[in-house]
PDB file of N, CA and C in Angstrom:
ATOM      1  N   ARG A   1     114.382 109.027 140.911  1.00  0.00           N
ATOM      2  CA  ARG A   1     114.860 110.058 139.977  1.00  0.00           C
ATOM      3  C   ARG A   1     114.974 111.206 140.377  1.00  0.00           C
ATOM      4  N   VAL A   2     115.894 112.139 139.975  1.00  0.00           N
ATOM      5  CA  VAL A   2     116.030 113.621 140.057  1.00  0.00           C
ATOM      6  C   VAL A   2     115.798 114.241 138.658  1.00  0.00           C
ATOM      7  N   ARG A   3     115.225 114.569 138.367  1.00  0.00           N
ATOM      8  CA  ARG A   3     114.980 115.321 136.985  1.00  0.00           C
ATOM      9  C   ARG A   3     115.511 116.939 136.888  1.00  0.00           C
ATOM     10  N   LEU A   4     116.439 117.327 136.549  1.00  0.00           N
ATOM     11  CA  LEU A   4     116.695 118.539 136.341  1.00  0.00           C
ATOM     12  C   LEU A   4     116.429 119.321 135.145  1.00  0.00           C
ATOM     13  N   GLY A   5     116.080 120.632 135.313  1.00  0.00           N
ATOM     14  CA  GLY A   5     116.248 122.087 134.407  1.00  0.00           C
ATOM     15  C   GLY A   5     117.065 123.101 134.861  1.00  0.00           C
ATOM     16  N   ASN A   6     117.859 123.326 133.909  1.00  0.00           N
ATOM     17  CA  ASN A   6     119.371 124.234 133.861  1.00  0.00           C
ATOM     18  C   ASN A   6     120.114 123.446 135.092  1.00  0.00           C
ATOM     19  N   GLU A   7     119.654 122.255 135.539  1.00  0.00           N
ATOM     20  CA  GLU A   7     120.958 121.929 136.512  1.00  0.00           C
ATOM     21  C   GLU A   7     120.430 122.174 137.766  1.00  0.00           C
ATOM     22  N   VAL A   8     119.078 122.365 137.843  1.00  0.00           N
ATOM     23  CA  VAL A   8     118.513 122.808 139.066  1.00  0.00           C
ATOM     24  C   VAL A   8     117.188 121.907 139.038  1.00  0.00           C
ATOM     25  N   PRO A   9     117.215 120.709 140.325  1.00  0.00           N
ATOM     26  CA  PRO A   9     116.119 119.585 140.440  1.00  0.00           C
ATOM     27  C   PRO A   9     114.865 120.357 140.309  1.00  0.00           C
ATOM     28  N   ILE A  10     113.918 119.864 139.552  1.00  0.00           N
ATOM     29  CA  ILE A  10     112.652 120.408 139.684  1.00  0.00           C
ATOM     30  C   ILE A  10     111.693 119.307 139.844  1.00  0.00           C
ATOM     31  N   SER A  11     112.013 117.995 139.727  1.00  0.00           N
ATOM     32  CA  SER A  11     111.087 117.007 139.920  1.00  0.00           C
ATOM     33  C   SER A  11     112.069 115.785 140.401  1.00  0.00           C
ATOM     34  N   PHE A  12     111.415 115.164 141.530  1.00  0.00           N
ATOM     35  CA  PHE A  12     111.623 113.979 141.965  1.00  0.00           C
ATOM     36  C   PHE A  12     110.854 113.021 141.932  1.00  0.00           C
ATOM     37  N   ASP A  13     110.980 111.967 141.792  1.00  0.00           N
ATOM     38  CA  ASP A  13     110.409 110.545 141.090  1.00  0.00           C
ATOM     39  C   ASP A  13     110.393 108.856 141.635  1.00  0.00           C
ATOM     40  N   GLU A  14     109.720 108.618 142.098  1.00  0.00           N
ATOM     41  CA  GLU A  14     109.935 107.388 142.672  1.00  0.00           C
ATOM     42  C   GLU A  14     108.727 106.420 141.870  1.00  0.00           C
ATOM     43  N   SER A  15     109.434 105.272 141.631  1.00  0.00           N
ATOM     44  CA  SER A  15     108.456 104.395 140.688  1.00  0.00           C
ATOM     45  C   SER A  15     108.474 103.120 141.199  1.00  0.00           C
ATOM     46  N   TRP A  16     107.652 102.047 140.934  1.00  0.00           N
ATOM     47  CA  TRP A  16     107.454 100.712 141.793  1.00  0.00           C
ATOM     48  C   TRP A  16     106.594  99.985 140.565  1.00  0.00           C
ATOM     49  N   PHE A  17     107.854  98.858 140.780  1.00  0.00           N
ATOM     50  CA  PHE A  17     107.244  98.123 138.982  1.00  0.00           C
ATOM     51  C   PHE A  17     107.098  96.368 139.838  1.00  0.00           C
ATOM     52  N   PRO A  18     106.417  95.410 139.108  1.00  0.00           N
ATOM     53  CA  PRO A  18     106.226  94.030 139.903  1.00  0.00           C
ATOM     54  C   PRO A  18     107.858  93.741 139.239  1.00  0.00           C
ATOM     55  N   THR A  19     108.006  92.798 140.465  1.00  0.00           N
ATOM     56  CA  THR A  19     109.663  92.014 140.641  1.00  0.00           C
ATOM     57  C   THR A  19     110.081  92.056 139.564  1.00  0.00           C
ATOM     58  N   ASP A  20     108.985  90.923 138.671  1.00  0.00           N
ATOM     59  CA  ASP A  20     109.743  90.694 137.288  1.00  0.00           C
ATOM     60  C   ASP A  20     110.337  91.452 136.667  1.00  0.00           C
ATOM     61  N   VAL A  21     109.384  92.874 136.292  1.00  0.00           N
ATOM     62  CA  VAL A  21     109.927  93.983 135.501  1.00  0.00           C
ATOM     63  C   VAL A  21     111.160  94.901 136.166  1.00  0.00           C
ATOM     64  N   GLY A  22     110.831  95.017 137.582  1.00  0.00           N
ATOM     65  CA  GLY A  22     111.620  96.204 138.317  1.00  0.00           C
ATOM     66  C   GLY A  22     113.041  95.063 138.386  1.00  0.00           C
ATOM     67  N   ASP A  23     113.103  93.922 138.205  1.00  0.00           N
ATOM     68  CA  ASP A  23     114.864  93.505 138.604  1.00  0.00           C
ATOM     69  C   ASP A  23     115.170  93.837 137.306  1.00  0.00           C
ATOM     70  N   ARG A  24     114.692  93.692 136.125  1.00  0.00           N
ATOM     71  CA  ARG A  24     115.239  94.103 134.618  1.00  0.00           C
ATOM     72  C   ARG A  24     115.592  95.201 134.521  1.00  0.00           C
ATOM     73  N   VAL A  25     114.854  95.926 134.768  1.00  0.00           N
ATOM     74  CA  VAL A  25     114.820  97.931 134.504  1.00  0.00           C
ATOM     75  C   VAL A  25     115.739  97.847 135.389  1.00  0.00           C
ATOM     76  N   ALA A  26     115.991  97.460 136.466  1.00  0.00           N
ATOM     77  CA  ALA A  26     117.239  98.060 137.608  1.00  0.00           C
ATOM     78  C   ALA A  26     118.455  98.188 136.945  1.00  0.00           C
ATOM     79  N   GLN A  27     118.500  97.040 135.961  1.00  0.00           N
ATOM     80  CA  GLN A  27     120.170  96.485 135.616  1.00  0.00           C
ATOM     81  C   GLN A  27     120.241  97.588 134.295  1.00  0.00           C
ATOM     82  N   GLU A  28     119.604  98.377 133.663  1.00  0.00           N
ATOM     83  CA  GLU A  28     119.543  99.195 132.467  1.00  0.00           C
ATOM     84  C   GLU A  28     120.225 100.611 133.333  1.00  0.00           C
ATOM     85  N   ASN A  29     120.874 101.325 132.326  1.00  0.00           N
ATOM     86  CA  ASN A  29     121.542 102.339 132.569  1.00  0.00           C
ATOM     87  C   ASN A  29     120.129 103.724 132.445  1.00  0.00           C
ATOM     88  N   LEU A  30     119.663 103.899 133.714  1.00  0.00           N
ATOM     89  CA  LEU A  30     118.569 104.754 133.491  1.00  0.00           C
ATOM     90  C   LEU A  30     119.081 106.046 133.468  1.00  0.00           C
ATOM     91  N   ALA A  31     120.216 106.459 133.448  1.00  0.00           N
ATOM     92  CA  ALA A  31     120.551 108.163 133.403  1.00  0.00           C
ATOM     93  C   ALA A  31     120.513 108.197 132.058  1.00  0.00           C
ATOM     94  N   GLU A  32     120.916 107.129 131.053  1.00  0.00           N
ATOM     95  CA  GLU A  32     121.119 107.573 129.562  1.00  0.00           C
ATOM     96  C   GLU A  32     119.282 107.116 129.251  1.00  0.00           C
ATOM     97  N   ASP A  33     118.912 106.258 129.361  1.00  0.00           N
ATOM     98  CA  ASP A  33     117.718 105.658 128.922  1.00  0.00           C
ATOM     99  C   ASP A  33     116.274 106.070 129.737  1.00  0.00           C
ATOM    100  N   PRO A  34     115.465 106.242 129.183  1.00  0.00           N
ATOM    101  CA  PRO A  34     114.070 106.450 129.616  1.00  0.00           C
ATOM    102  C   PRO A  34     113.527 104.954 130.243  1.00  0.00           C
ATOM    103  N   PHE A  35     112.955 104.815 131.403  1.00  0.00           N
ATOM    104  CA  PHE A  35     112.328 103.559 131.321  1.00  0.00           C
ATOM    105  C   PHE A  35     110.967 103.123 130.983  1.00  0.00           C
ATOM    106  N   TYR A  36     110.378 104.124 130.305  1.00  0.00           N
ATOM    107  CA  TYR A  36     109.174 103.670 129.398  1.00  0.00           C
ATOM    108  C   TYR A  36     109.765 103.420 127.977  1.00  0.00           C
ATOM    109  N   ALA A  37     110.917 103.966 127.546  1.00  0.00           N
ATOM    110  CA  ALA A  37     111.250 103.627 125.951  1.00  0.00           C
ATOM    111  C   ALA A  37     111.824 102.220 126.125  1.00  0.00           C
ATOM    112  N   ILE A  38     112.744 101.792 127.486  1.00  0.00           N
ATOM    113  CA  ILE A  38     113.218 100.193 127.629  1.00  0.00           C
ATOM    114  C   ILE A  38     112.070  99.479 127.538  1.00  0.00           C
ATOM    115  N   LEU A  39     110.940  99.899 128.237  1.00  0.00           N
ATOM    116  CA  LEU A  39     109.942  98.766 128.361  1.00  0.00           C
ATOM    117  C   LEU A  39     109.315  98.561 127.039  1.00  0.00           C
ATOM    118  N   GLU A  40     108.953  99.952 126.207  1.00  0.00           N
ATOM    119  CA  GLU A  40     108.323  99.411 124.910  1.00  0.00           C
ATOM    120  C   GLU A  40     108.935  98.612 123.940  1.00  0.00           C
ATOM    121  N   ASP A  41     110.727  99.748 123.888  1.00  0.00           N
ATOM    122  CA  ASP A  41     111.498  99.352 122.915  1.00  0.00           C
ATOM    123  C   ASP A  41     111.951  98.142 123.029  1.00  0.00           C
ATOM    124  N   LYS A  42     112.756  97.717 124.486  1.00  0.00           N
ATOM    125  CA  LYS A  42     113.440  96.571 124.383  1.00  0.00           C
ATOM    126  C   LYS A  42     112.894  95.580 124.843  1.00  0.00           C
ATOM    127  N   TYR A  43     111.791  95.705 126.121  1.00  0.00           N
ATOM    128  CA  TYR A  43     111.406  94.593 126.341  1.00  0.00           C
ATOM    129  C   TYR A  43     109.942  94.024 125.794  1.00  0.00           C
ATOM    130  N   ASP A  44     109.726  94.985 124.673  1.00  0.00           N
ATOM    131  CA  ASP A  44     108.183  94.899 124.011  1.00  0.00           C
ATOM    132  C   ASP A  44     106.748  94.832 125.050  1.00  0.00           C
ATOM    133  N   ILE A  45     107.124  95.819 125.795  1.00  0.00           N
ATOM    134  CA  ILE A  45     106.019  95.726 126.811  1.00  0.00           C
ATOM    135  C   ILE A  45     105.267  97.073 126.607  1.00  0.00           C
ATOM    136  N   ALA A  46     104.025  97.099 125.740  1.00  0.00           N
ATOM    137  CA  ALA A  46     103.151  98.123 125.279  1.00  0.00           C
ATOM    138  C   ALA A  46     102.264  98.396 126.541  1.00  0.00           C
ATOM    139  N   LEU A  47     102.208 100.060 126.854  1.00  0.00           N
ATOM    140  CA  LEU A  47     101.649 100.876 127.676  1.00  0.00           C
ATOM    141  C   LEU A  47      99.951 100.939 127.272  1.00  0.00           C
ATOM    142  N   ALA A  48      98.881 100.929 128.043  1.00  0.00           N
ATOM    143  CA  ALA A  48      97.739 101.030 127.863  1.00  0.00           C
ATOM    144  C   ALA A  48      97.179 102.678 128.205  1.00  0.00           C
ATOM    145  N   GLY A  49      97.867 102.567 129.219  1.00  0.00           N
ATOM    146  CA  GLY A  49      97.456 104.534 129.743  1.00  0.00           C
ATOM    147  C   GLY A  49      97.602 104.432 131.082  1.00  0.00           C
ATOM    148  N   ALA A  50      97.234 105.602 131.888  1.00  0.00           N
ATOM    149  CA  ALA A  50      97.902 105.585 132.862  1.00  0.00           C
ATOM    150  C   ALA A  50      96.468 106.346 133.611  1.00  0.00           C
ATOM    151  N   ASP A  51      96.497 106.295 134.908  1.00  0.00           N
ATOM    152  CA  ASP A  51      95.227 107.109 136.174  1.00  0.00           C
ATOM    153  C   ASP A  51      96.128 107.804 136.688  1.00  0.00           C
ATOM    154  N   PHE A  52      95.669 109.627 136.596  1.00  0.00           N
ATOM    155  CA  PHE A  52      96.365 110.290 137.506  1.00  0.00           C
ATOM    156  C   PHE A  52      96.124 111.222 138.730  1.00  0.00           C
ATOM    157  N   VAL A  53      96.418 111.324 139.465  1.00  0.00           N
ATOM    158  CA  VAL A  53      95.838 112.196 140.807  1.00  0.00           C
ATOM    159  C   VAL A  53      96.744 113.333 140.786  1.00  0.00           C
ATOM    160  N   VAL A  54      96.359 114.625 140.677  1.00  0.00           N
ATOM    161  CA  VAL A  54      97.144 115.639 141.118  1.00  0.00           C
ATOM    162  C   VAL A  54      96.900 116.380 142.695  1.00  0.00           C
ATOM    163  N   ARG A  55      97.510 116.880 143.310  1.00  0.00           N
ATOM    164  CA  ARG A  55      97.354 117.761 144.318  1.00  0.00           C
ATOM    165  C   ARG A  55      98.457 118.277 144.940  1.00  0.00           C
ATOM    166  N   ALA A  56      98.463 119.069 145.313  1.00  0.00           N
ATOM    167  CA  ALA A  56      99.084 120.418 146.149  1.00  0.00           C
ATOM    168  C   ALA A  56      99.383 119.753 147.655  1.00  0.00           C
ATOM    169  N   THR A  57     101.146 119.722 148.046  1.00  0.00           N
ATOM    170  CA  THR A  57     101.145 119.397 149.304  1.00  0.00           C
ATOM    171  C   THR A  57     102.679 119.772 149.758  1.00  0.00           C
ATOM    172  N   SER A  58     102.924 119.573 150.688  1.00  0.00           N
ATOM    173  CA  SER A  58     104.339 119.626 151.087  1.00  0.00           C
ATOM    174  C   SER A  58     105.666 119.329 151.358  1.00  0.00           C
ATOM    175  N   ALA A  59     106.574 119.497 150.999  1.00  0.00           N
ATOM    176  CA  ALA A  59     107.718 118.612 151.045  1.00  0.00           C
ATOM    177  C   ALA A  59     108.398 118.347 152.101  1.00  0.00           C
ATOM    178  N   ASP A  60     108.595 116.861 152.506  1.00  0.00           N
ATOM    179  CA  ASP A  60     108.930 116.130 153.838  1.00  0.00           C
ATOM    180  C   ASP A  60     110.339 116.879 153.815  1.00  0.00           C
ATOM    181  N   ASP A  61     111.198 116.441 155.058  1.00  0.00           N
ATOM    182  CA  ASP A  61     112.742 116.105 154.764  1.00  0.00           C
ATOM    183  C   ASP A  61     113.252 115.814 153.534  1.00  0.00           C
ATOM    184  N   ARG A  62     112.713 114.632 153.149  1.00  0.00           N
ATOM    185  CA  ARG A  62     113.331 113.766 152.124  1.00  0.00           C
ATOM    186  C   ARG A  62     113.359 114.009 151.294  1.00  0.00           C
ATOM    187  N   ILE A  63     111.907 114.536 150.598  1.00  0.00           N
ATOM    188  CA  ILE A  63     111.741 115.230 149.141  1.00  0.00           C
ATOM    189  C   ILE A  63     112.088 116.310 148.882  1.00  0.00           C
ATOM    190  N   ALA A  64     112.211 117.587 150.247  1.00  0.00           N
ATOM    191  CA  ALA A  64     113.037 118.212 150.086  1.00  0.00           C
ATOM    192  C   ALA A  64     114.640 118.583 149.468  1.00  0.00           C
ATOM    193  N   GLY A  65     115.058 117.413 150.317  1.00  0.00           N
ATOM    194  CA  GLY A  65     116.735 117.285 150.109  1.00  0.00           C
ATOM    195  C   GLY A  65     116.933 116.670 148.574  1.00  0.00           C
ATOM    196  N   HIS A  66     115.999 115.952 148.178  1.00  0.00           N
ATOM    197  CA  HIS A  66     115.982 115.896 146.746  1.00  0.00           C
ATOM    198  C   HIS A  66     116.095 116.970 145.904  1.00  0.00           C
ATOM    199  N   LEU A  67     114.865 117.783 146.086  1.00  0.00           N
ATOM    200  CA  LEU A  67     114.937 119.090 145.173  1.00  0.00           C
ATOM    201  C   LEU A  67     115.445 120.364 145.421  1.00  0.00           C
ATOM    202  N   GLN A  68     116.215 120.117 147.144  1.00  0.00           N
ATOM    203  CA  GLN A  68     117.010 121.220 147.194  1.00  0.00           C
ATOM    204  C   GLN A  68     116.336 122.253 147.575  1.00  0.00           C
ATOM    205  N   ILE A  69     115.381 122.281 148.385  1.00  0.00           N
ATOM    206  CA  ILE A  69     114.458 123.161 148.639  1.00  0.00           C
ATOM    207  C   ILE A  69     114.210 123.139 150.356  1.00  0.00           C
ATOM    208  N   GLU A  70     113.764 123.898 151.245  1.00  0.00           N
ATOM    209  CA  GLU A  70     113.347 123.903 152.358  1.00  0.00           C
ATOM    210  C   GLU A  70     112.443 122.917 152.783  1.00  0.00           C
ATOM    211  N   PRO A  71     112.210 122.372 153.453  1.00  0.00           N
ATOM    212  CA  PRO A  71     111.055 121.469 154.174  1.00  0.00           C
ATOM    213  C   PRO A  71     110.128 122.272 154.518  1.00  0.00           C
ATOM    214  N   GLY A  72     108.730 121.684 153.952  1.00  0.00           N
ATOM    215  CA  GLY A  72     107.709 122.499 154.240  1.00  0.00           C
ATOM    216  C   GLY A  72     107.118 123.275 152.919  1.00  0.00           C
ATOM    217  N   ARG A  73     107.890 123.534 151.852  1.00  0.00           N
ATOM    218  CA  ARG A  73     107.848 124.368 150.959  1.00  0.00           C
ATOM    219  C   ARG A  73     106.562 123.378 150.177  1.00  0.00           C
ATOM    220  N   PRO A  74     105.655 124.172 149.007  1.00  0.00           N
ATOM    221  CA  PRO A  74     105.040 123.817 148.455  1.00  0.00           C
ATOM    222  C   PRO A  74     105.841 122.993 147.195  1.00  0.00           C
ATOM    223  N   VAL A  75     105.078 121.458 146.958  1.00  0.00           N
ATOM    224  CA  VAL A  75     105.180 121.049 145.613  1.00  0.00           C
ATOM    225  C   VAL A  75     104.268 120.416 145.287  1.00  0.00           C
ATOM    226  N   LEU A  76     103.985 119.976 144.075  1.00  0.00           N
ATOM    227  CA  LEU A  76     102.721 119.344 143.054  1.00  0.00           C
ATOM    228  C   LEU A  76     103.082 117.751 143.481  1.00  0.00           C
ATOM    229  N   ARG A  77     102.082 117.065 143.773  1.00  0.00           N
ATOM    230  CA  ARG A  77     102.504 115.482 143.665  1.00  0.00           C
ATOM    231  C   ARG A  77     101.771 115.161 142.805  1.00  0.00           C
ATOM    232  N   LEU A  78     102.134 114.335 141.865  1.00  0.00           N
ATOM    233  CA  LEU A  78     101.347 113.513 140.853  1.00  0.00           C
ATOM    234  C   LEU A  78     101.497 112.113 141.333  1.00  0.00           C
ATOM    235  N   THR A  79     100.615 111.464 141.441  1.00  0.00           N
ATOM    236  CA  THR A  79     100.306 109.805 141.877  1.00  0.00           C
ATOM    237  C   THR A  79     100.148 109.404 140.249  1.00  0.00           C
ATOM    238  N   ARG A  80     100.740 108.570 139.751  1.00  0.00           N
ATOM    239  CA  ARG A  80     100.527 107.765 138.401  1.00  0.00           C
ATOM    240  C   ARG A  80     100.363 106.477 138.536  1.00  0.00           C
ATOM    241  N   LEU A  81      99.236 105.830 138.004  1.00  0.00           N
ATOM    242  CA  LEU A  81      99.070 104.033 137.480  1.00  0.00           C
ATOM    243  C   LEU A  81      99.326 103.902 136.229  1.00  0.00           C
ATOM    244  N   SER A  82     100.227 103.489 135.782  1.00  0.00           N
ATOM    245  CA  SER A  82     100.325 103.077 134.236  1.00  0.00           C
ATOM    246  C   SER A  82      99.693 101.375 134.355  1.00  0.00           C
ATOM    247  N   ARG A  83      98.991 101.400 132.899  1.00  0.00           N
ATOM    248  CA  ARG A  83      98.570  99.866 132.805  1.00  0.00           C
ATOM    249  C   ARG A  83      99.043  99.237 131.345  1.00  0.00           C
ATOM    250  N   ARG A  84      99.207  98.160 131.597  1.00  0.00           N
ATOM    251  CA  ARG A  84     100.223  97.511 130.206  1.00  0.00           C
ATOM    252  C   ARG A  84      98.674  97.257 129.215  1.00  0.00           C
ATOM    253  N   LYS A  85      99.171  97.166 127.964  1.00  0.00           N
ATOM    254  CA  LYS A  85      98.162  96.353 126.972  1.00  0.00           C
ATOM    255  C   LYS A  85      98.634  94.593 127.144  1.00  0.00           C
ATOM    256  N   PRO A  86      97.844  93.981 126.598  1.00  0.00           N
ATOM    257  CA  PRO A  86      96.284  94.421 126.267  1.00  0.00           C
ATOM    258  C   PRO A  86      95.382  94.290 127.431  1.00  0.00           C
ATOM    259  N   ASP A  87      95.743  94.082 128.045  1.00  0.00           N
ATOM    260  CA  ASP A  87      95.114  93.273 129.567  1.00  0.00           C
ATOM    261  C   ASP A  87      94.808  94.331 130.700  1.00  0.00           C
ATOM    262  N   GLY A  88      95.525  95.576 130.925  1.00  0.00           N
ATOM    263  CA  GLY A  88      95.140  96.643 131.311  1.00  0.00           C
ATOM    264  C   GLY A  88      96.002  96.433 133.022  1.00  0.00           C
ATOM    265  N   ARG A  89      96.325  95.377 133.288  1.00  0.00           N
ATOM    266  CA  ARG A  89      97.091  95.419 134.319  1.00  0.00           C
ATOM    267  C   ARG A  89      98.111  96.276 134.751  1.00  0.00           C
ATOM    268  N   PRO A  90      98.246  96.702 136.002  1.00  0.00           N
ATOM    269  CA  PRO A  90      98.878  97.621 136.593  1.00  0.00           C
ATOM    270  C   PRO A  90     100.609  97.192 136.335  1.00  0.00           C
ATOM    271  N   LEU A  91     101.131  98.108 135.824  1.00  0.00           N
ATOM    272  CA  LEU A  91     102.700  97.935 135.605  1.00  0.00           C
ATOM    273  C   LEU A  91     103.646  98.742 136.372  1.00  0.00           C
ATOM    274  N   ILE A  92     103.490  99.961 136.719  1.00  0.00           N
ATOM    275  CA  ILE A  92     104.200 101.123 137.216  1.00  0.00           C
ATOM    276  C   ILE A  92     103.099 102.074 138.178  1.00  0.00           C
ATOM    277  N   PHE A  93     103.636 101.884 139.161  1.00  0.00           N
ATOM    278  CA  PHE A  93     103.230 102.805 140.361  1.00  0.00           C
ATOM    279  C   PHE A  93     103.718 104.137 140.779  1.00  0.00           C
ATOM    280  N   GLU A  94     103.736 105.595 140.372  1.00  0.00           N
ATOM    281  CA  GLU A  94     104.741 106.549 140.749  1.00  0.00           C
ATOM    282  C   GLU A  94     104.316 107.371 141.436  1.00  0.00           C
ATOM    283  N   PHE A  95     105.082 108.192 142.426  1.00  0.00           N
ATOM    284  CA  PHE A  95     104.920 109.413 142.981  1.00  0.00           C
ATOM    285  C   PHE A  95     105.681 110.304 142.064  1.00  0.00           C
ATOM    286  N   LEU A  96     105.109 111.607 141.952  1.00  0.00           N
ATOM    287  CA  LEU A  96     106.332 112.682 141.408  1.00  0.00           C
ATOM    288  C   LEU A  96     105.995 113.655 141.791  1.00  0.00           C
ATOM    289  N   HIS A  97     107.115 114.521 142.182  1.00  0.00           N
ATOM    290  CA  HIS A  97     106.879 115.563 143.009  1.00  0.00           C
ATOM    291  C   HIS A  97     107.796 116.640 142.337  1.00  0.00           C
ATOM    292  N   TYR A  98     106.904 117.742 142.065  1.00  0.00           N
ATOM    293  CA  TYR A  98     107.755 118.878 141.573  1.00  0.00           C
ATOM    294  C   TYR A  98     107.850 120.251 142.368  1.00  0.00           C
ATOM    295  N   ALA A  99     109.119 120.588 142.262  1.00  0.00           N
ATOM    296  CA  ALA A  99     109.381 122.021 142.889  1.00  0.00           C
ATOM    297  C   ALA A  99     108.428 123.212 142.169  1.00  0.00           C
ATOM    298  N   GLY A 100     107.884 124.289 143.070  1.00  0.00           N
ATOM    299  CA  GLY A 100     107.295 125.281 142.666  1.00  0.00           C
ATOM    300  C   GLY A 100     108.484 126.534 141.617  1.00  0.00           C
TER     301      GLY A 100
END
């Protein structure tokens, strides 16, 4: 997903789900509905929390293309692992890249 602020790309997000959940989420209108809301409201899958790692890095060609910046420009990269209630099983693994 590419997120916009004032019509300018500010974030490029990559998300992975277990196959049984991802296949269903892929059928949803993700341009209109955030997948966290779909999981909780439509599929009744509650989230228990997430683990984050934040680091500075540079944009490779692919990330730079999505963010419409020059390759090599600095970006913040968040790695997030969201867990499901009640057992804490991993549910979503994500890389989120933010342009400076």
